[in-house]
Amino acid sequence: MTTQPRTYKAILGKRLGLGAYGQLASQQASIIDITPKCADASITVGAEASDVRNITIQLKDINGNAIDYAETVDIIMLLNASGTDFVATGGSTGIAIGASGKLQTIIAKKRFTAISTTAGVIALTWTDTGTEVAYLGLVLPTGRMIISAALTNA
């Protein structure tokens, strides 16, 4: 016995168009998302203070507005701004969650999965008592990677 999809909606005979966020929209109030709403992000890297830098990520929609729901993204620590190599060690302590969002370590100091707040914010800290060159690579649900400014401490 096969299980039938519970969210199936017939579109036969309906006129469909693209909505403001790349979703299918009919003349009725129903919308079918065909692409993730989260399409962009800004990464703000704070000044170094006692070997620590604050990092704020704001997830955005295609129109540049902050998203209004929690989104899951991947974070990769990179050696360069081109995103062609991974960091060597990932800092003395590395990336940690700050005041907003959640962070799960996949590979210590190098790869993470993060969940934003419902305002699309992820607040992190970068701690390194050395001077390792590092960049934060943010992989959006669309697959697009956004790379931060250098996190290297003096």
N, C-alpha and C. Protein backbone atom coordinates (compact mmCIF):
# COMPACT_ATOMS: atom_id res chain seq x y z
N MET A 1 0.84 -1.17 0.00
CA MET A 1 0.00 0.00 0.00
C MET A 1 0.89 1.24 0.00
N THR A 2 0.63 2.16 -0.90
CA THR A 2 1.42 3.38 -0.96
C THR A 2 0.73 4.49 -0.18
N THR A 3 1.54 5.36 0.38
CA THR A 3 1.01 6.50 1.12
C THR A 3 0.85 7.67 0.17
N GLN A 4 -0.31 8.26 0.16
CA GLN A 4 -0.58 9.41 -0.69
C GLN A 4 -0.07 10.68 -0.03
N PRO A 5 0.48 11.60 -0.82
CA PRO A 5 0.92 12.88 -0.24
C PRO A 5 -0.25 13.62 0.40
N ARG A 6 -0.04 14.16 1.57
CA ARG A 6 -1.11 14.87 2.27
C ARG A 6 -1.21 16.33 1.86
N THR A 7 -0.17 16.86 1.23
CA THR A 7 -0.19 18.27 0.87
C THR A 7 -0.37 18.47 -0.63
N TYR A 8 -0.83 17.46 -1.32
CA TYR A 8 -1.02 17.55 -2.76
C TYR A 8 -2.13 18.53 -3.09
N LYS A 9 -1.85 19.42 -4.04
CA LYS A 9 -2.86 20.37 -4.50
C LYS A 9 -2.91 20.29 -6.01
N ALA A 10 -4.06 20.05 -6.54
CA ALA A 10 -4.22 20.01 -7.98
C ALA A 10 -4.09 21.42 -8.54
N ILE A 11 -3.36 21.53 -9.64
CA ILE A 11 -3.23 22.84 -10.28
C ILE A 11 -3.89 22.83 -11.66
N LEU A 12 -4.52 21.73 -12.01
CA LEU A 12 -5.20 21.61 -13.29
C LEU A 12 -6.29 22.67 -13.40
N GLY A 13 -6.25 23.46 -14.44
CA GLY A 13 -7.26 24.47 -14.66
C GLY A 13 -7.04 25.77 -13.91
N LYS A 14 -5.98 25.86 -13.13
CA LYS A 14 -5.70 27.10 -12.40
C LYS A 14 -4.67 27.92 -13.15
N ARG A 15 -4.79 29.22 -13.05
CA ARG A 15 -3.78 30.10 -13.62
C ARG A 15 -2.75 30.38 -12.55
N LEU A 16 -1.50 30.13 -12.90
CA LEU A 16 -0.42 30.32 -11.94
C LEU A 16 0.56 31.37 -12.46
N GLY A 17 1.18 32.05 -11.53
CA GLY A 17 2.21 33.02 -11.85
C GLY A 17 3.29 32.96 -10.80
N LEU A 18 4.33 33.75 -10.98
CA LEU A 18 5.40 33.80 -9.99
C LEU A 18 5.13 34.93 -9.01
N GLY A 19 5.26 34.61 -7.72
CA GLY A 19 5.08 35.62 -6.68
C GLY A 19 6.36 36.42 -6.47
N ALA A 20 6.32 37.34 -5.54
CA ALA A 20 7.44 38.24 -5.27
C ALA A 20 8.70 37.52 -4.80
N TYR A 21 8.56 36.32 -4.24
CA TYR A 21 9.70 35.59 -3.71
C TYR A 21 10.01 34.34 -4.52
N GLY A 22 9.60 34.29 -5.80
CA GLY A 22 9.90 33.16 -6.65
C GLY A 22 9.03 31.95 -6.39
N GLN A 23 7.85 32.14 -5.82
CA GLN A 23 6.95 31.04 -5.55
C GLN A 23 5.82 31.04 -6.57
N LEU A 24 5.20 29.87 -6.75
CA LEU A 24 4.03 29.79 -7.60
C LEU A 24 2.85 30.39 -6.86
N ALA A 25 2.10 31.24 -7.51
CA ALA A 25 0.95 31.88 -6.87
C ALA A 25 -0.24 31.78 -7.81
N SER A 26 -1.39 31.47 -7.25
CA SER A 26 -2.61 31.41 -8.05
C SER A 26 -3.47 32.62 -7.71
N GLN A 27 -4.61 32.72 -8.37
CA GLN A 27 -5.51 33.83 -8.08
C GLN A 27 -6.09 33.70 -6.68
N GLN A 28 -6.10 32.50 -6.15
CA GLN A 28 -6.53 32.30 -4.77
C GLN A 28 -5.39 32.73 -3.84
N ALA A 29 -5.60 32.61 -2.57
CA ALA A 29 -4.61 33.05 -1.58
C ALA A 29 -3.48 32.04 -1.37
N SER A 30 -3.51 30.90 -2.08
CA SER A 30 -2.49 29.88 -1.83
C SER A 30 -1.19 30.19 -2.58
N ILE A 31 -0.07 29.84 -1.95
CA ILE A 31 1.25 30.06 -2.53
C ILE A 31 2.04 28.76 -2.39
N ILE A 32 2.79 28.41 -3.41
CA ILE A 32 3.63 27.23 -3.37
C ILE A 32 5.07 27.69 -3.59
N ASP A 33 5.92 27.59 -2.55
CA ASP A 33 7.32 28.00 -2.68
C ASP A 33 8.06 27.03 -3.58
N ILE A 34 8.77 27.55 -4.57
CA ILE A 34 9.59 26.71 -5.44
C ILE A 34 11.08 26.99 -5.25
N THR A 35 11.41 28.03 -4.51
CA THR A 35 12.80 28.33 -4.13
C THR A 35 12.80 28.79 -2.68
N PRO A 36 13.91 28.60 -1.98
CA PRO A 36 13.97 29.09 -0.60
C PRO A 36 13.84 30.62 -0.56
N LYS A 37 13.16 31.14 0.47
CA LYS A 37 13.05 32.59 0.62
C LYS A 37 14.39 33.23 0.96
N CYS A 38 15.22 32.53 1.70
CA CYS A 38 16.52 33.07 2.10
C CYS A 38 17.47 33.01 0.91
N ALA A 39 17.79 34.18 0.35
CA ALA A 39 18.61 34.23 -0.86
C ALA A 39 19.86 35.08 -0.72
N ASP A 40 20.03 35.75 0.42
CA ASP A 40 21.18 36.65 0.59
C ASP A 40 21.48 36.77 2.08
N ALA A 41 22.60 37.37 2.39
CA ALA A 41 22.98 37.59 3.79
C ALA A 41 24.05 38.66 3.86
N SER A 42 24.12 39.31 5.01
CA SER A 42 25.24 40.21 5.28
C SER A 42 25.98 39.65 6.49
N ILE A 43 27.30 39.77 6.45
CA ILE A 43 28.15 39.31 7.55
C ILE A 43 28.94 40.50 8.05
N THR A 44 28.74 40.86 9.31
CA THR A 44 29.46 41.98 9.91
C THR A 44 30.48 41.44 10.90
N VAL A 45 31.74 41.78 10.67
CA VAL A 45 32.82 41.33 11.55
C VAL A 45 33.27 42.51 12.40
N GLY A 46 33.16 42.35 13.71
CA GLY A 46 33.54 43.42 14.63
C GLY A 46 35.05 43.52 14.82
N ALA A 47 35.47 44.59 15.43
CA ALA A 47 36.90 44.80 15.73
C ALA A 47 37.36 43.81 16.78
N GLU A 48 38.64 43.49 16.75
CA GLU A 48 39.22 42.57 17.73
C GLU A 48 39.30 43.23 19.10
N ALA A 49 38.86 42.51 20.12
CA ALA A 49 38.97 42.97 21.51
C ALA A 49 39.38 41.77 22.36
N SER A 50 40.59 41.79 22.89
CA SER A 50 41.11 40.69 23.72
C SER A 50 41.04 39.35 23.00
N ASP A 51 41.49 39.32 21.75
CA ASP A 51 41.55 38.11 20.91
C ASP A 51 40.19 37.60 20.46
N VAL A 52 39.13 38.39 20.63
CA VAL A 52 37.77 37.98 20.26
C VAL A 52 37.18 38.97 19.27
N ARG A 53 36.47 38.45 18.27
CA ARG A 53 35.73 39.27 17.32
C ARG A 53 34.27 38.82 17.33
N ASN A 54 33.35 39.78 17.38
CA ASN A 54 31.93 39.46 17.25
C ASN A 54 31.59 39.41 15.77
N ILE A 55 30.76 38.44 15.40
CA ILE A 55 30.32 38.28 14.02
C ILE A 55 28.79 38.25 14.04
N THR A 56 28.17 39.09 13.23
CA THR A 56 26.71 39.10 13.13
C THR A 56 26.32 38.78 11.70
N ILE A 57 25.47 37.78 11.56
CA ILE A 57 24.96 37.38 10.25
C ILE A 57 23.48 37.74 10.19
N GLN A 58 23.08 38.45 9.15
CA GLN A 58 21.67 38.78 8.91
C GLN A 58 21.25 38.10 7.62
N LEU A 59 20.34 37.14 7.72
CA LEU A 59 19.83 36.45 6.53
C LEU A 59 18.74 37.31 5.89
N LYS A 60 18.74 37.34 4.54
CA LYS A 60 17.83 38.23 3.82
C LYS A 60 17.11 37.50 2.69
N ASP A 61 15.98 38.07 2.29
CA ASP A 61 15.25 37.54 1.14
C ASP A 61 15.81 38.15 -0.14
N ILE A 62 15.23 37.81 -1.27
CA ILE A 62 15.71 38.28 -2.57
C ILE A 62 15.60 39.79 -2.72
N ASN A 63 14.74 40.42 -1.94
CA ASN A 63 14.56 41.87 -2.00
C ASN A 63 15.48 42.62 -1.03
N GLY A 64 16.32 41.89 -0.30
CA GLY A 64 17.24 42.52 0.64
C GLY A 64 16.66 42.77 2.02
N ASN A 65 15.46 42.25 2.27
CA ASN A 65 14.82 42.42 3.59
C ASN A 65 15.18 41.25 4.49
N ALA A 66 15.26 41.50 5.79
CA ALA A 66 15.52 40.44 6.76
C ALA A 66 14.41 39.40 6.68
N ILE A 67 14.79 38.11 6.72
CA ILE A 67 13.76 37.07 6.70
C ILE A 67 13.01 37.09 8.03
N ASP A 68 11.80 36.52 8.03
CA ASP A 68 10.96 36.56 9.23
C ASP A 68 10.65 35.16 9.75
N TYR A 69 11.61 34.27 9.61
CA TYR A 69 11.45 32.90 10.09
C TYR A 69 12.84 32.34 10.40
N ALA A 70 12.91 31.26 11.16
CA ALA A 70 14.20 30.63 11.46
C ALA A 70 14.67 29.84 10.25
N GLU A 71 15.94 29.99 9.89
CA GLU A 71 16.51 29.29 8.73
C GLU A 71 17.78 28.57 9.15
N THR A 72 18.04 27.42 8.53
CA THR A 72 19.24 26.64 8.79
C THR A 72 20.25 26.90 7.68
N VAL A 73 21.49 27.17 8.06
CA VAL A 73 22.57 27.42 7.10
C VAL A 73 23.82 26.67 7.54
N ASP A 74 24.75 26.49 6.61
CA ASP A 74 26.04 25.87 6.93
C ASP A 74 27.10 26.95 7.02
N ILE A 75 28.06 26.76 7.91
CA ILE A 75 29.18 27.68 8.08
C ILE A 75 30.46 26.87 7.92
N ILE A 76 31.35 27.38 7.05
CA ILE A 76 32.63 26.72 6.79
C ILE A 76 33.74 27.74 7.03
N MET A 77 34.74 27.37 7.78
CA MET A 77 35.88 28.25 8.02
C MET A 77 36.90 28.05 6.91
N LEU A 78 37.23 29.16 6.23
CA LEU A 78 38.06 29.12 5.03
C LEU A 78 39.41 29.80 5.23
N LEU A 79 40.37 29.42 4.40
CA LEU A 79 41.71 29.98 4.45
C LEU A 79 41.83 31.28 3.67
N ASN A 80 40.96 31.47 2.67
CA ASN A 80 41.07 32.67 1.83
C ASN A 80 39.70 33.19 1.41
N ALA A 81 39.67 34.41 0.90
CA ALA A 81 38.42 35.06 0.50
C ALA A 81 37.84 34.46 -0.77
N SER A 82 38.63 33.64 -1.48
CA SER A 82 38.13 32.97 -2.68
C SER A 82 37.37 31.70 -2.34
N GLY A 83 37.53 31.21 -1.11
CA GLY A 83 36.84 30.00 -0.69
C GLY A 83 37.40 28.73 -1.30
N THR A 84 38.72 28.72 -1.59
CA THR A 84 39.32 27.56 -2.26
C THR A 84 40.02 26.59 -1.32
N ASP A 85 40.06 26.89 -0.01
CA ASP A 85 40.73 26.00 0.93
C ASP A 85 40.17 26.19 2.33
N PHE A 86 40.30 25.17 3.15
CA PHE A 86 39.85 25.22 4.53
C PHE A 86 40.95 25.80 5.43
N VAL A 87 40.56 26.36 6.58
CA VAL A 87 41.55 26.84 7.54
C VAL A 87 42.40 25.67 8.03
N ALA A 88 43.60 26.00 8.53
CA ALA A 88 44.48 24.95 9.04
C ALA A 88 43.98 24.42 10.39
N THR A 89 43.73 25.32 11.35
CA THR A 89 43.30 24.87 12.68
C THR A 89 41.96 25.42 13.12
N GLY A 90 41.55 26.57 12.62
CA GLY A 90 40.27 27.15 13.02
C GLY A 90 40.34 28.01 14.27
N GLY A 91 41.51 28.59 14.56
CA GLY A 91 41.64 29.47 15.72
C GLY A 91 41.89 28.70 17.00
N SER A 92 42.30 29.41 18.04
CA SER A 92 42.58 28.74 19.32
C SER A 92 41.30 28.18 19.94
N THR A 93 40.23 28.95 19.91
CA THR A 93 38.92 28.47 20.34
C THR A 93 37.99 28.36 19.14
N GLY A 94 38.13 29.30 18.21
CA GLY A 94 37.35 29.26 16.98
C GLY A 94 36.01 29.94 17.10
N ILE A 95 35.03 29.41 16.38
CA ILE A 95 33.69 29.97 16.32
C ILE A 95 32.85 29.43 17.48
N ALA A 96 32.09 30.32 18.10
CA ALA A 96 31.14 29.93 19.15
C ALA A 96 29.87 30.76 18.98
N ILE A 97 28.77 30.25 19.48
CA ILE A 97 27.50 30.98 19.38
C ILE A 97 27.53 32.17 20.32
N GLY A 98 26.95 33.26 19.89
CA GLY A 98 26.83 34.46 20.71
C GLY A 98 25.44 34.54 21.31
N ALA A 99 24.82 35.70 21.21
CA ALA A 99 23.53 35.95 21.85
C ALA A 99 22.33 35.47 21.04
N SER A 100 22.50 35.20 19.73
CA SER A 100 21.34 34.87 18.89
C SER A 100 21.60 33.67 18.00
N GLY A 101 20.62 32.78 17.94
CA GLY A 101 20.71 31.61 17.08
C GLY A 101 21.24 30.40 17.81
N LYS A 102 21.44 29.34 17.05
CA LYS A 102 21.98 28.07 17.57
C LYS A 102 23.11 27.62 16.65
N LEU A 103 24.09 26.89 17.21
CA LEU A 103 25.24 26.43 16.44
C LEU A 103 25.55 25.00 16.82
N GLN A 104 25.70 24.14 15.81
CA GLN A 104 26.06 22.73 16.01
C GLN A 104 27.37 22.46 15.27
N THR A 105 28.36 21.94 15.98
CA THR A 105 29.65 21.64 15.36
C THR A 105 29.55 20.34 14.57
N ILE A 106 30.03 20.38 13.32
CA ILE A 106 30.09 19.18 12.48
C ILE A 106 31.53 18.66 12.48
N ILE A 107 32.50 19.54 12.19
CA ILE A 107 33.92 19.23 12.29
C ILE A 107 34.54 20.32 13.15
N ALA A 108 35.18 19.92 14.25
CA ALA A 108 35.69 20.89 15.23
C ALA A 108 36.45 22.04 14.58
N LYS A 109 36.00 23.26 14.88
CA LYS A 109 36.60 24.52 14.46
C LYS A 109 36.57 24.77 12.95
N LYS A 110 35.94 23.87 12.16
CA LYS A 110 36.00 24.04 10.70
C LYS A 110 34.64 24.05 10.00
N ARG A 111 33.69 23.27 10.47
CA ARG A 111 32.39 23.19 9.79
C ARG A 111 31.27 23.13 10.82
N PHE A 112 30.20 23.92 10.57
CA PHE A 112 29.09 24.05 11.52
C PHE A 112 27.77 24.12 10.77
N THR A 113 26.70 23.82 11.48
CA THR A 113 25.35 24.10 11.01
C THR A 113 24.75 25.06 12.03
N ALA A 114 24.10 26.11 11.52
CA ALA A 114 23.53 27.13 12.40
C ALA A 114 22.05 27.32 12.09
N ILE A 115 21.29 27.70 13.12
CA ILE A 115 19.88 28.04 12.97
C ILE A 115 19.73 29.49 13.42
N SER A 116 19.14 30.30 12.56
CA SER A 116 18.94 31.72 12.90
C SER A 116 17.76 31.89 13.85
N THR A 117 17.62 33.10 14.36
CA THR A 117 16.41 33.46 15.10
C THR A 117 15.29 33.65 14.08
N THR A 118 14.07 33.90 14.54
CA THR A 118 12.97 34.14 13.62
C THR A 118 13.07 35.51 12.95
N ALA A 119 14.09 36.27 13.30
CA ALA A 119 14.39 37.54 12.62
C ALA A 119 15.55 37.37 11.65
N GLY A 120 16.03 36.13 11.47
CA GLY A 120 17.11 35.85 10.54
C GLY A 120 18.49 36.22 11.02
N VAL A 121 18.69 36.30 12.34
CA VAL A 121 19.98 36.73 12.90
C VAL A 121 20.72 35.55 13.52
N ILE A 122 22.04 35.51 13.26
CA ILE A 122 22.94 34.56 13.91
C ILE A 122 24.10 35.39 14.46
N ALA A 123 24.30 35.35 15.77
CA ALA A 123 25.40 36.08 16.41
C ALA A 123 26.46 35.09 16.86
N LEU A 124 27.70 35.31 16.42
CA LEU A 124 28.81 34.40 16.72
C LEU A 124 29.98 35.17 17.31
N THR A 125 30.95 34.42 17.84
CA THR A 125 32.23 35.01 18.23
C THR A 125 33.34 34.18 17.61
N TRP A 126 34.44 34.84 17.27
CA TRP A 126 35.66 34.19 16.77
C TRP A 126 36.75 34.49 17.78
N THR A 127 37.36 33.44 18.33
CA THR A 127 38.43 33.61 19.31
C THR A 127 39.69 32.95 18.79
N ASP A 128 40.77 33.74 18.74
CA ASP A 128 42.07 33.21 18.31
C ASP A 128 43.17 34.01 19.00
N THR A 129 43.97 33.34 19.83
CA THR A 129 45.08 34.01 20.49
C THR A 129 46.29 34.12 19.57
N GLY A 130 46.21 33.47 18.41
CA GLY A 130 47.29 33.55 17.41
C GLY A 130 46.92 34.52 16.31
N THR A 131 47.47 34.29 15.14
CA THR A 131 47.23 35.18 14.00
C THR A 131 46.84 34.38 12.75
N GLU A 132 46.11 33.30 12.96
CA GLU A 132 45.71 32.48 11.81
C GLU A 132 44.80 33.27 10.86
N VAL A 133 45.07 33.16 9.58
CA VAL A 133 44.22 33.78 8.56
C VAL A 133 42.96 32.93 8.44
N ALA A 134 41.79 33.57 8.54
CA ALA A 134 40.53 32.83 8.45
C ALA A 134 39.42 33.72 7.90
N TYR A 135 38.49 33.09 7.20
CA TYR A 135 37.30 33.74 6.66
C TYR A 135 36.12 32.83 6.96
N LEU A 136 34.97 33.42 7.19
CA LEU A 136 33.76 32.64 7.44
C LEU A 136 33.00 32.51 6.12
N GLY A 137 32.75 31.27 5.71
CA GLY A 137 31.95 31.01 4.52
C GLY A 137 30.56 30.58 4.95
N LEU A 138 29.55 31.31 4.50
CA LEU A 138 28.16 31.03 4.84
C LEU A 138 27.48 30.41 3.63
N VAL A 139 26.98 29.17 3.76
CA VAL A 139 26.32 28.50 2.66
C VAL A 139 24.81 28.60 2.88
N LEU A 140 24.15 29.33 1.98
CA LEU A 140 22.70 29.54 2.07
C LEU A 140 21.95 28.32 1.56
N PRO A 141 20.64 28.20 1.86
CA PRO A 141 19.85 27.06 1.38
C PRO A 141 19.85 26.93 -0.15
N THR A 142 20.10 28.02 -0.86
CA THR A 142 20.15 27.99 -2.32
C THR A 142 21.45 27.41 -2.84
N GLY A 143 22.44 27.24 -1.94
CA GLY A 143 23.76 26.76 -2.33
C GLY A 143 24.76 27.90 -2.51
N ARG A 144 24.29 29.12 -2.54
CA ARG A 144 25.17 30.28 -2.70
C ARG A 144 26.05 30.44 -1.46
N MET A 145 27.34 30.75 -1.68
CA MET A 145 28.25 30.97 -0.56
C MET A 145 28.60 32.46 -0.46
N ILE A 146 28.49 32.98 0.74
CA ILE A 146 28.87 34.36 1.03
C ILE A 146 30.05 34.29 1.99
N ILE A 147 31.12 35.03 1.67
CA ILE A 147 32.34 34.96 2.46
C ILE A 147 32.58 36.28 3.18
N SER A 148 32.91 36.18 4.46
CA SER A 148 33.12 37.36 5.31
C SER A 148 34.43 38.05 5.00
N ALA A 149 34.63 39.19 5.65
CA ALA A 149 35.94 39.83 5.68
C ALA A 149 36.85 38.96 6.55
N ALA A 150 38.14 39.23 6.52
CA ALA A 150 39.10 38.45 7.29
C ALA A 150 38.82 38.51 8.78
N LEU A 151 38.98 37.36 9.45
CA LEU A 151 38.80 37.28 10.90
C LEU A 151 40.14 37.29 11.62
N THR A 152 41.22 37.41 10.91
CA THR A 152 42.57 37.31 11.46
C THR A 152 42.81 38.33 12.57
N ASN A 153 43.28 37.86 13.71
CA ASN A 153 43.60 38.73 14.84
C ASN A 153 45.06 39.15 14.79
N ALA A 154 45.37 40.26 15.43
CA ALA A 154 46.75 40.77 15.43
C ALA A 154 47.61 40.04 16.44
